[in-house]
Each structure stands twice: as C-alpha cells, then as structure tokens.
C-alpha cells in the first residue's frame, strides 16, 4: 500500500466518523426532544390538576364557609396555596 492509498483510507475513515457522529447527534437530539416534550406534558398536567384542586378548595371556603384546612384536605390541595389564593 502506497502513501496515496493510505491517505485515501484515512480520509474515508474521517468522513465515515464525521457522518456517524452527525447521525448519532441527530438521533440523540430527536430522542431528547421527544423525552423533553413528554416530561413537559406530564409536568403540565400535574400542575394543572394541582391548580384545579386549589381552585375547588377556595370555592368551598368562599361559597360554603368551609375551613381552609378542611377544604385543602378534601380536595388534595396544598394548604399554603389555598391560603395564598384566599389572601390570608
């Protein structure tokens, strides 16, 4: 094998390595984005459910004169958030 052939093989290896890295990065980015979207949606649903439970507890306090502690417990809402919404 002469020097020219060795240079060609080295260039081919480098090109193949660069292509492989690009493919790997592309796949990794796509996988990471998909995972991030799923995680974001799950966190959004959890936060939305918590906000809804706080709203229900606040309504129970305001409309039905329930004690904030009882309303928070009944609706699985965090008491500090209920009290914050009530302005206490």
N, C-alpha and C. Protein backbone atom coordinates (compact mmCIF):
# COMPACT_ATOMS: atom_id res chain seq x y z
N UNK A 1 0.85 -1.17 0.00
CA UNK A 1 0.00 0.00 0.00
C UNK A 1 0.90 1.24 0.00
N UNK A 2 0.65 2.13 -0.93
CA UNK A 2 1.47 3.33 -1.02
C UNK A 2 0.87 4.46 -0.18
N UNK A 3 1.57 5.55 -0.13
CA UNK A 3 1.14 6.68 0.70
C UNK A 3 -0.19 7.26 0.24
N UNK A 4 -0.42 7.31 -1.04
CA UNK A 4 -1.68 7.86 -1.57
C UNK A 4 -2.87 7.01 -1.10
N UNK A 5 -2.72 5.70 -1.16
CA UNK A 5 -3.80 4.80 -0.71
C UNK A 5 -4.04 4.97 0.79
N UNK A 6 -2.98 5.15 1.55
CA UNK A 6 -3.13 5.35 2.99
C UNK A 6 -3.86 6.67 3.28
N UNK A 7 -3.52 7.70 2.50
CA UNK A 7 -4.20 8.99 2.66
C UNK A 7 -5.69 8.87 2.33
N UNK A 8 -5.99 8.15 1.26
CA UNK A 8 -7.39 7.97 0.86
C UNK A 8 -8.16 7.22 1.95
N UNK A 9 -7.58 6.16 2.49
CA UNK A 9 -8.25 5.40 3.55
C UNK A 9 -8.46 6.26 4.80
N UNK A 10 -7.45 7.06 5.15
CA UNK A 10 -7.54 7.92 6.32
C UNK A 10 -8.68 8.94 6.11
N UNK A 11 -8.76 9.52 4.91
CA UNK A 11 -9.81 10.49 4.60
C UNK A 11 -11.19 9.82 4.65
N UNK A 12 -11.28 8.60 4.13
CA UNK A 12 -12.55 7.86 4.17
C UNK A 12 -12.97 7.56 5.61
N UNK A 13 -12.00 7.16 6.44
CA UNK A 13 -12.31 6.90 7.86
C UNK A 13 -12.80 8.16 8.55
N UNK A 14 -12.14 9.27 8.28
CA UNK A 14 -12.54 10.53 8.88
C UNK A 14 -13.93 10.95 8.43
N UNK A 15 -14.21 10.77 7.14
CA UNK A 15 -15.53 11.12 6.61
C UNK A 15 -16.60 10.21 7.21
N UNK A 16 -16.30 8.92 7.33
CA UNK A 16 -17.26 7.98 7.92
C UNK A 16 -17.50 8.30 9.40
N UNK A 17 -16.44 8.66 10.10
CA UNK A 17 -16.57 9.03 11.50
C UNK A 17 -17.42 10.28 11.66
N UNK A 18 -17.17 11.27 10.82
CA UNK A 18 -17.96 12.51 10.87
C UNK A 18 -19.42 12.24 10.55
N UNK A 19 -19.67 11.40 9.57
CA UNK A 19 -21.05 11.05 9.21
C UNK A 19 -21.73 10.30 10.36
N UNK A 20 -21.02 9.36 10.95
CA UNK A 20 -21.56 8.61 12.08
C UNK A 20 -21.88 9.51 13.26
N UNK A 21 -20.99 10.45 13.53
CA UNK A 21 -21.23 11.39 14.63
C UNK A 21 -22.46 12.25 14.34
N UNK A 22 -22.60 12.70 13.11
CA UNK A 22 -23.75 13.51 12.73
C UNK A 22 -25.05 12.73 12.87
N UNK A 23 -25.05 11.49 12.43
CA UNK A 23 -26.24 10.64 12.56
C UNK A 23 -26.56 10.42 14.04
N UNK A 24 -25.54 10.14 14.84
CA UNK A 24 -25.75 9.92 16.27
C UNK A 24 -26.28 11.15 16.97
N UNK A 25 -25.72 12.31 16.64
CA UNK A 25 -26.20 13.55 17.24
C UNK A 25 -27.64 13.84 16.83
N UNK A 26 -27.96 13.60 15.59
CA UNK A 26 -29.32 13.83 15.10
C UNK A 26 -30.32 12.93 15.83
N UNK A 27 -29.99 11.65 15.95
CA UNK A 27 -30.86 10.72 16.65
C UNK A 27 -30.99 11.09 18.13
N UNK A 28 -29.86 11.46 18.74
CA UNK A 28 -29.87 11.83 20.15
C UNK A 28 -30.70 13.08 20.40
N UNK A 29 -30.58 14.05 19.51
CA UNK A 29 -31.35 15.29 19.64
C UNK A 29 -32.84 15.00 19.52
N UNK A 30 -33.21 14.20 18.53
CA UNK A 30 -34.63 13.86 18.33
C UNK A 30 -35.17 13.12 19.55
N UNK A 31 -34.41 12.16 20.05
CA UNK A 31 -34.83 11.39 21.22
C UNK A 31 -34.94 12.30 22.44
N UNK A 32 -33.99 13.20 22.62
CA UNK A 32 -34.01 14.12 23.74
C UNK A 32 -35.19 15.07 23.67
N UNK A 33 -35.50 15.57 22.49
CA UNK A 33 -36.65 16.45 22.33
C UNK A 33 -37.95 15.72 22.64
N UNK A 34 -38.08 14.51 22.15
CA UNK A 34 -39.29 13.73 22.42
C UNK A 34 -39.45 13.48 23.92
N UNK A 35 -38.37 13.13 24.57
CA UNK A 35 -38.41 12.89 26.01
C UNK A 35 -38.75 14.18 26.75
N UNK A 36 -38.20 15.29 26.32
CA UNK A 36 -38.48 16.58 26.95
C UNK A 36 -39.94 16.98 26.79
N UNK A 37 -40.49 16.73 25.63
CA UNK A 37 -41.90 17.05 25.39
C UNK A 37 -42.79 16.21 26.29
N UNK A 38 -42.51 14.92 26.37
CA UNK A 38 -43.30 14.04 27.24
C UNK A 38 -43.23 14.48 28.69
N UNK A 39 -42.02 14.81 29.14
CA UNK A 39 -41.84 15.24 30.52
C UNK A 39 -42.57 16.57 30.76
N UNK A 40 -42.49 17.49 29.82
CA UNK A 40 -43.17 18.77 29.95
C UNK A 40 -44.67 18.61 30.02
N UNK A 41 -45.22 17.74 29.19
CA UNK A 41 -46.65 17.49 29.22
C UNK A 41 -47.09 16.88 30.55
N UNK A 42 -46.32 15.95 31.04
CA UNK A 42 -46.65 15.32 32.33
C UNK A 42 -46.62 16.34 33.46
N UNK A 43 -45.59 17.20 33.46
CA UNK A 43 -45.50 18.22 34.49
C UNK A 43 -46.63 19.23 34.37
N UNK A 44 -47.00 19.57 33.15
CA UNK A 44 -48.12 20.50 32.92
C UNK A 44 -49.43 19.93 33.43
N UNK A 45 -49.67 18.65 33.17
CA UNK A 45 -50.89 18.01 33.64
C UNK A 45 -50.93 17.98 35.17
N UNK A 46 -49.80 17.68 35.78
CA UNK A 46 -49.73 17.64 37.24
C UNK A 46 -49.99 19.02 37.82
N UNK A 47 -49.37 20.03 37.24
CA UNK A 47 -49.56 21.39 37.73
C UNK A 47 -51.00 21.84 37.52
N UNK A 48 -51.58 21.50 36.40
CA UNK A 48 -52.97 21.86 36.12
C UNK A 48 -53.92 21.22 37.11
N UNK A 49 -53.69 19.96 37.43
CA UNK A 49 -54.53 19.26 38.40
C UNK A 49 -54.41 19.89 39.78
N UNK A 50 -53.19 20.29 40.15
CA UNK A 50 -52.98 20.92 41.45
C UNK A 50 -53.69 22.28 41.50
N UNK A 51 -53.59 23.05 40.42
CA UNK A 51 -54.26 24.34 40.38
C UNK A 51 -55.77 24.18 40.46
N UNK A 52 -56.28 23.16 39.81
CA UNK A 52 -57.72 22.90 39.84
C UNK A 52 -58.17 22.53 41.26
N UNK A 53 -57.38 21.74 41.97
CA UNK A 53 -57.73 21.36 43.33
C UNK A 53 -57.67 22.56 44.26
N UNK A 54 -56.73 23.47 44.03
CA UNK A 54 -56.65 24.70 44.83
C UNK A 54 -57.89 25.56 44.57
N UNK A 55 -58.27 25.70 43.30
CA UNK A 55 -59.46 26.48 42.96
C UNK A 55 -60.71 25.90 43.62
N UNK A 56 -60.85 24.59 43.59
CA UNK A 56 -62.02 23.94 44.20
C UNK A 56 -62.03 24.18 45.71
N UNK A 57 -60.88 24.11 46.34
CA UNK A 57 -60.81 24.34 47.78
C UNK A 57 -61.16 25.79 48.11
N UNK A 58 -60.69 26.72 47.31
CA UNK A 58 -61.00 28.14 47.53
C UNK A 58 -62.51 28.38 47.38
N UNK A 59 -63.11 27.78 46.39
CA UNK A 59 -64.56 27.91 46.20
C UNK A 59 -65.31 27.35 47.40
N UNK A 60 -64.86 26.21 47.90
CA UNK A 60 -65.51 25.62 49.07
C UNK A 60 -65.43 26.55 50.27
N UNK A 61 -64.30 27.21 50.43
CA UNK A 61 -64.14 28.15 51.55
C UNK A 61 -65.04 29.36 51.35
N UNK A 62 -65.02 29.94 50.17
CA UNK A 62 -65.76 31.18 49.92
C UNK A 62 -67.26 30.96 49.83
N UNK A 63 -67.66 29.91 49.17
CA UNK A 63 -69.09 29.71 48.91
C UNK A 63 -69.79 28.94 50.03
N UNK A 64 -69.09 28.00 50.65
CA UNK A 64 -69.73 27.13 51.63
C UNK A 64 -69.16 27.30 53.04
N UNK A 65 -68.35 28.34 53.22
CA UNK A 65 -67.77 28.66 54.53
C UNK A 65 -67.01 27.49 55.16
N UNK A 66 -66.37 26.69 54.34
CA UNK A 66 -65.54 25.60 54.86
C UNK A 66 -64.26 26.19 55.42
N UNK A 67 -63.70 25.53 56.38
CA UNK A 67 -62.40 25.96 56.90
C UNK A 67 -61.34 25.64 55.85
N UNK A 68 -60.37 26.53 55.66
CA UNK A 68 -59.35 26.29 54.63
C UNK A 68 -58.62 24.96 54.81
N UNK A 69 -58.34 24.58 56.05
CA UNK A 69 -57.63 23.32 56.31
C UNK A 69 -58.45 22.13 55.84
N UNK A 70 -59.75 22.17 56.11
CA UNK A 70 -60.63 21.07 55.72
C UNK A 70 -60.79 21.02 54.20
N UNK A 71 -61.00 22.17 53.59
CA UNK A 71 -61.18 22.23 52.14
C UNK A 71 -59.91 21.75 51.42
N UNK A 72 -58.75 22.19 51.89
CA UNK A 72 -57.49 21.76 51.28
C UNK A 72 -57.34 20.25 51.37
N UNK A 73 -57.66 19.70 52.52
CA UNK A 73 -57.54 18.24 52.70
C UNK A 73 -58.53 17.50 51.80
N UNK A 74 -59.78 17.97 51.78
CA UNK A 74 -60.82 17.30 50.99
C UNK A 74 -60.51 17.31 49.49
N UNK A 75 -59.88 18.35 49.02
CA UNK A 75 -59.60 18.47 47.59
C UNK A 75 -58.14 18.16 47.23
N UNK A 76 -57.39 17.61 48.21
CA UNK A 76 -55.97 17.27 47.99
C UNK A 76 -55.18 18.45 47.46
N UNK A 77 -55.45 19.62 48.03
CA UNK A 77 -54.75 20.84 47.63
C UNK A 77 -53.74 21.22 48.71
N UNK A 78 -52.61 21.76 48.33
CA UNK A 78 -51.65 22.21 49.34
C UNK A 78 -52.22 23.43 50.09
N UNK A 79 -52.26 23.33 51.41
CA UNK A 79 -52.83 24.40 52.23
C UNK A 79 -52.18 25.75 51.99
N UNK A 80 -50.85 25.84 51.89
CA UNK A 80 -50.25 27.16 51.65
C UNK A 80 -50.76 27.82 50.37
N UNK A 81 -50.99 27.03 49.33
CA UNK A 81 -51.51 27.59 48.07
C UNK A 81 -52.95 28.06 48.24
N UNK A 82 -53.75 27.30 48.99
CA UNK A 82 -55.14 27.69 49.24
C UNK A 82 -55.17 29.00 50.02
N UNK A 83 -54.36 29.08 51.05
CA UNK A 83 -54.32 30.30 51.87
C UNK A 83 -53.82 31.48 51.04
N UNK A 84 -52.87 31.23 50.16
CA UNK A 84 -52.35 32.29 49.31
C UNK A 84 -53.45 32.83 48.40
N UNK A 85 -54.23 31.93 47.81
CA UNK A 85 -55.33 32.35 46.93
C UNK A 85 -56.41 33.11 47.69
N UNK A 86 -56.59 32.74 48.94
CA UNK A 86 -57.59 33.40 49.76
C UNK A 86 -57.09 34.76 50.28
N UNK A 87 -55.81 34.99 50.14
CA UNK A 87 -55.24 36.24 50.59
C UNK A 87 -54.97 36.28 52.07
N UNK A 88 -54.80 35.13 52.68
CA UNK A 88 -54.56 35.05 54.13
C UNK A 88 -53.09 34.87 54.41
